[in-house]
Amino acid sequence: MDGREGEDRRAHVVRHGLYGTNATTTRAAPETAAGKTRTARQMPKWIGAPAAIARTKGTFFGYEFVVDGQPAGSPLDAKIVVEHPPFRRPGAAEASSRESWTQMVALGAPSFGGYGFDEDWEMVPGKWRVAVYSGARQLCQKEFVVQ
């Protein structure tokens, strides 16, 4: 991975909103309330950009982004951070208001960062923020209102 740890990286949001889920892979993500995350095998299909996101099981929202840099196609470890109103997984001792995981992105190519509602207990209304980091530097972010 690029040794610069993101000190001069930039990214831009291409589009945001609701996305259709396609084939996904589930993998361990210890910094999430569920302990796992789903990663799309290909770019999810954009549906539209509503003013608010509905609290419905199966809803998948977020944004497409491109991390600038050379050489194009080079891999970069990006950290996706989702901040949300507190929710608690059944049986968990504490509520969570932050989920995060690392995913590989390719410089200059569209990538996706977002969240999908899989369980009733995570569908809480309020402001949700999805941010992308390289090292300690935030590259881009987008807020969503969940109703």
C-alpha atoms as a PDB file:
ATOM      1  CA  MET A   1       0.000   0.000   0.000  1.00  0.00           C
ATOM      2  CA  ASP A   2       1.053   3.575  -0.483  1.00  0.00           C
ATOM      3  CA  GLY A   3       3.497   4.546   2.281  1.00  0.00           C
ATOM      4  CA  ARG A   4       2.390   8.162   2.434  1.00  0.00           C
ATOM      5  CA  GLU A   5      -0.405   7.280   4.878  1.00  0.00           C
ATOM      6  CA  GLY A   6      -2.770   9.687   3.145  1.00  0.00           C
ATOM      7  CA  GLU A   7      -1.025  12.950   4.017  1.00  0.00           C
ATOM      8  CA  ASP A   8      -1.911  14.544   0.670  1.00  0.00           C
ATOM      9  CA  ARG A   9      -4.676  12.271  -0.603  1.00  0.00           C
ATOM     10  CA  ARG A  10      -7.941  13.749  -1.747  1.00  0.00           C
ATOM     11  CA  ALA A  11     -11.222  12.149  -2.688  1.00  0.00           C
ATOM     12  CA  HIS A  12     -14.498  13.343  -4.100  1.00  0.00           C
ATOM     13  CA  VAL A  13     -18.060  12.094  -3.847  1.00  0.00           C
ATOM     14  CA  VAL A  14     -19.446  11.068  -7.239  1.00  0.00           C
ATOM     15  CA  ARG A  15     -23.074  10.509  -6.154  1.00  0.00           C
ATOM     16  CA  HIS A  16     -24.979   9.514  -3.042  1.00  0.00           C
ATOM     17  CA  GLY A  17     -28.284   8.141  -1.845  1.00  0.00           C
ATOM     18  CA  LEU A  18     -30.020   4.773  -2.025  1.00  0.00           C
ATOM     19  CA  TYR A  19     -28.370   1.813  -3.681  1.00  0.00           C
ATOM     20  CA  GLY A  20     -29.539  -1.623  -4.690  1.00  0.00           C
ATOM     21  CA  THR A  21     -27.639  -4.436  -3.074  1.00  0.00           C
ATOM     22  CA  ASN A  22     -26.090  -6.993  -5.315  1.00  0.00           C
ATOM     23  CA  ALA A  23     -23.917  -9.978  -4.510  1.00  0.00           C
ATOM     24  CA  THR A  24     -22.122  -9.299  -1.255  1.00  0.00           C
ATOM     25  CA  THR A  25     -19.473 -10.984   0.812  1.00  0.00           C
ATOM     26  CA  THR A  26     -19.692 -11.013   4.610  1.00  0.00           C
ATOM     27  CA  ARG A  27     -16.469 -10.597   6.543  1.00  0.00           C
ATOM     28  CA  ALA A  28     -15.420 -10.011  10.125  1.00  0.00           C
ATOM     29  CA  ALA A  29     -15.423  -6.367  11.251  1.00  0.00           C
ATOM     30  CA  PRO A  30     -14.682  -6.199  14.989  1.00  0.00           C
ATOM     31  CA  GLU A  31     -15.271  -2.417  15.141  1.00  0.00           C
ATOM     32  CA  THR A  32     -18.958  -2.829  14.328  1.00  0.00           C
ATOM     33  CA  ALA A  33     -21.883  -3.659  16.621  1.00  0.00           C
ATOM     34  CA  ALA A  34     -22.710  -6.751  14.567  1.00  0.00           C
ATOM     35  CA  GLY A  35     -19.059  -7.864  14.397  1.00  0.00           C
ATOM     36  CA  LYS A  36     -19.283  -8.190  10.626  1.00  0.00           C
ATOM     37  CA  THR A  37     -19.830  -6.167   7.490  1.00  0.00           C
ATOM     38  CA  ARG A  38     -21.087  -6.865   4.004  1.00  0.00           C
ATOM     39  CA  THR A  39     -18.891  -5.821   1.092  1.00  0.00           C
ATOM     40  CA  ALA A  40     -20.293  -5.554  -2.423  1.00  0.00           C
ATOM     41  CA  ARG A  41     -18.485  -7.656  -5.011  1.00  0.00           C
ATOM     42  CA  GLN A  42     -19.144  -4.925  -7.573  1.00  0.00           C
ATOM     43  CA  MET A  43     -20.370  -1.345  -7.449  1.00  0.00           C
ATOM     44  CA  PRO A  44     -23.933  -1.283  -6.067  1.00  0.00           C
ATOM     45  CA  LYS A  45     -26.573   0.137  -8.422  1.00  0.00           C
ATOM     46  CA  TRP A  46     -27.578   3.713  -7.653  1.00  0.00           C
ATOM     47  CA  ILE A  47     -31.350   4.112  -7.193  1.00  0.00           C
ATOM     48  CA  GLY A  48     -31.727   7.791  -6.278  1.00  0.00           C
ATOM     49  CA  ALA A  49     -31.027  10.517  -3.740  1.00  0.00           C
ATOM     50  CA  PRO A  50     -34.070  10.997  -1.481  1.00  0.00           C
ATOM     51  CA  ALA A  51     -34.168  13.780   1.100  1.00  0.00           C
ATOM     52  CA  ALA A  52     -34.301  11.117   3.846  1.00  0.00           C
ATOM     53  CA  ILE A  53     -33.489   7.431   4.156  1.00  0.00           C
ATOM     54  CA  ALA A  54     -36.359   5.146   5.227  1.00  0.00           C
ATOM     55  CA  ARG A  55     -35.872   2.819   8.210  1.00  0.00           C
ATOM     56  CA  THR A  56     -36.593  -0.351   6.275  1.00  0.00           C
ATOM     57  CA  LYS A  57     -34.814  -3.680   6.501  1.00  0.00           C
ATOM     58  CA  GLY A  58     -32.760  -4.157   3.351  1.00  0.00           C
ATOM     59  CA  THR A  59     -32.228  -0.433   2.750  1.00  0.00           C
ATOM     60  CA  PHE A  60     -28.674   0.236   1.543  1.00  0.00           C
ATOM     61  CA  PHE A  61     -27.406   3.841   1.479  1.00  0.00           C
ATOM     62  CA  GLY A  62     -24.118   5.646   1.039  1.00  0.00           C
ATOM     63  CA  TYR A  63     -22.021   7.110  -1.743  1.00  0.00           C
ATOM     64  CA  GLU A  64     -19.623   6.445  -4.559  1.00  0.00           C
ATOM     65  CA  PHE A  65     -16.262   8.144  -4.192  1.00  0.00           C
ATOM     66  CA  VAL A  66     -12.961   8.342  -6.049  1.00  0.00           C
ATOM     67  CA  VAL A  67      -9.597   8.667  -4.290  1.00  0.00           C
ATOM     68  CA  ASP A  68      -7.238  10.707  -6.447  1.00  0.00           C
ATOM     69  CA  GLY A  69      -3.674   9.581  -6.957  1.00  0.00           C
ATOM     70  CA  GLN A  70      -1.104   7.925  -9.136  1.00  0.00           C
ATOM     71  CA  PRO A  71      -0.477   5.437 -10.424  1.00  0.00           C
ATOM     72  CA  ALA A  72      -4.129   4.893 -11.267  1.00  0.00           C
ATOM     73  CA  GLY A  73      -5.401   1.550 -10.048  1.00  0.00           C
ATOM     74  CA  SER A  74      -2.904   1.309  -7.188  1.00  0.00           C
ATOM     75  CA  PRO A  75      -4.447  -0.199  -4.052  1.00  0.00           C
ATOM     76  CA  LEU A  76      -5.056   1.873  -0.930  1.00  0.00           C
ATOM     77  CA  ASP A  77      -6.397   0.729   2.441  1.00  0.00           C
ATOM     78  CA  ALA A  78      -9.309   3.042   3.243  1.00  0.00           C
ATOM     79  CA  LYS A  79     -11.194   3.112   6.510  1.00  0.00           C
ATOM     80  CA  ILE A  80     -14.961   3.566   6.305  1.00  0.00           C
ATOM     81  CA  VAL A  81     -16.407   5.167   9.450  1.00  0.00           C
ATOM     82  CA  VAL A  82     -20.165   5.356  10.053  1.00  0.00           C
ATOM     83  CA  GLU A  83     -21.361   7.550  12.942  1.00  0.00           C
ATOM     84  CA  HIS A  84     -25.011   7.234  13.922  1.00  0.00           C
ATOM     85  CA  PRO A  85     -27.454   7.699  16.801  1.00  0.00           C
ATOM     86  CA  PRO A  86     -26.787   5.040  19.467  1.00  0.00           C
ATOM     87  CA  PHE A  87     -28.161   1.539  19.049  1.00  0.00           C
ATOM     88  CA  ARG A  88     -27.498  -1.697  20.904  1.00  0.00           C
ATOM     89  CA  ARG A  89     -27.255  -5.187  19.504  1.00  0.00           C
ATOM     90  CA  PRO A  90     -29.373  -7.582  21.594  1.00  0.00           C
ATOM     91  CA  GLY A  91     -27.211  -9.048  24.332  1.00  0.00           C
ATOM     92  CA  ALA A  92     -24.543  -6.336  24.054  1.00  0.00           C
ATOM     93  CA  ALA A  93     -23.505  -4.566  27.240  1.00  0.00           C
ATOM     94  CA  GLU A  94     -23.207  -1.127  25.655  1.00  0.00           C
ATOM     95  CA  ALA A  95     -24.765   0.878  22.846  1.00  0.00           C
ATOM     96  CA  SER A  96     -22.723   1.737  19.770  1.00  0.00           C
ATOM     97  CA  SER A  97     -22.686   5.023  17.854  1.00  0.00           C
ATOM     98  CA  ARG A  98     -19.734   4.282  15.568  1.00  0.00           C
ATOM     99  CA  GLU A  99     -18.977   1.479  13.140  1.00  0.00           C
ATOM    100  CA  SER A 100     -15.759   1.161  11.134  1.00  0.00           C
ATOM    101  CA  TRP A 101     -13.938  -1.245   8.856  1.00  0.00           C
ATOM    102  CA  THR A 102     -11.084  -1.205   6.371  1.00  0.00           C
ATOM    103  CA  GLN A 103     -11.575  -1.860   2.695  1.00  0.00           C
ATOM    104  CA  MET A 104      -9.263  -1.811  -0.270  1.00  0.00           C
ATOM    105  CA  VAL A 105      -9.894   0.892  -2.890  1.00  0.00           C
ATOM    106  CA  ALA A 106      -8.110   1.544  -6.180  1.00  0.00           C
ATOM    107  CA  LEU A 107      -6.744   5.029  -6.844  1.00  0.00           C
ATOM    108  CA  GLY A 108      -8.714   6.838  -9.540  1.00  0.00           C
ATOM    109  CA  ALA A 109     -11.522   4.263  -9.625  1.00  0.00           C
ATOM    110  CA  PRO A 110     -15.022   4.522  -8.134  1.00  0.00           C
ATOM    111  CA  SER A 111     -15.478   2.855  -4.741  1.00  0.00           C
ATOM    112  CA  PHE A 112     -18.442   2.680  -2.379  1.00  0.00           C
ATOM    113  CA  GLY A 113     -18.875   3.541   1.291  1.00  0.00           C
ATOM    114  CA  GLY A 114     -22.180   3.097   3.017  1.00  0.00           C
ATOM    115  CA  TYR A 115     -24.420   1.160   5.351  1.00  0.00           C
ATOM    116  CA  GLY A 116     -27.187  -1.396   4.990  1.00  0.00           C
ATOM    117  CA  PHE A 117     -29.994  -2.116   7.433  1.00  0.00           C
ATOM    118  CA  ASP A 118     -29.961  -5.848   8.171  1.00  0.00           C
ATOM    119  CA  GLU A 119     -31.485  -5.906  11.669  1.00  0.00           C
ATOM    120  CA  ASP A 120     -34.428  -4.121  13.321  1.00  0.00           C
ATOM    121  CA  TRP A 121     -32.271  -2.956  16.259  1.00  0.00           C
ATOM    122  CA  GLU A 122     -29.951  -0.872  14.048  1.00  0.00           C
ATOM    123  CA  MET A 123     -32.648   1.118  12.238  1.00  0.00           C
ATOM    124  CA  VAL A 124     -32.561   4.271  14.353  1.00  0.00           C
ATOM    125  CA  PRO A 125     -33.715   7.683  13.144  1.00  0.00           C
ATOM    126  CA  GLY A 126     -31.459  10.725  13.083  1.00  0.00           C
ATOM    127  CA  LYS A 127     -28.305  11.956  11.416  1.00  0.00           C
ATOM    128  CA  TRP A 128     -25.917   9.354  10.045  1.00  0.00           C
ATOM    129  CA  ARG A 129     -22.464  10.273   8.742  1.00  0.00           C
ATOM    130  CA  VAL A 130     -20.353   8.104   6.439  1.00  0.00           C
ATOM    131  CA  ALA A 131     -16.686   9.139   6.129  1.00  0.00           C
ATOM    132  CA  VAL A 132     -13.663   7.718   4.315  1.00  0.00           C
ATOM    133  CA  TYR A 133     -10.173   7.950   5.807  1.00  0.00           C
ATOM    134  CA  SER A 134      -6.657   7.202   4.661  1.00  0.00           C
ATOM    135  CA  GLY A 135      -4.556   6.901   7.784  1.00  0.00           C
ATOM    136  CA  ALA A 136      -5.694   9.710  10.115  1.00  0.00           C
ATOM    137  CA  ARG A 137      -6.804  11.988   7.257  1.00  0.00           C
ATOM    138  CA  GLN A 138     -10.474  12.245   6.325  1.00  0.00           C
ATOM    139  CA  LEU A 139     -10.795  12.100   2.538  1.00  0.00           C
ATOM    140  CA  CYS A 140     -14.533  12.663   2.119  1.00  0.00           C
ATOM    141  CA  GLN A 141     -17.811  12.374   4.005  1.00  0.00           C
ATOM    142  CA  LYS A 142     -21.539  12.660   3.546  1.00  0.00           C
ATOM    143  CA  GLU A 143     -24.409  13.033   6.024  1.00  0.00           C
ATOM    144  CA  PHE A 144     -27.750  11.263   5.697  1.00  0.00           C
ATOM    145  CA  VAL A 145     -31.007  11.744   7.563  1.00  0.00           C
ATOM    146  CA  VAL A 146     -32.655   8.461   8.502  1.00  0.00           C
ATOM    147  CA  GLN A 147     -36.410   8.662   9.254  1.00  0.00           C
END
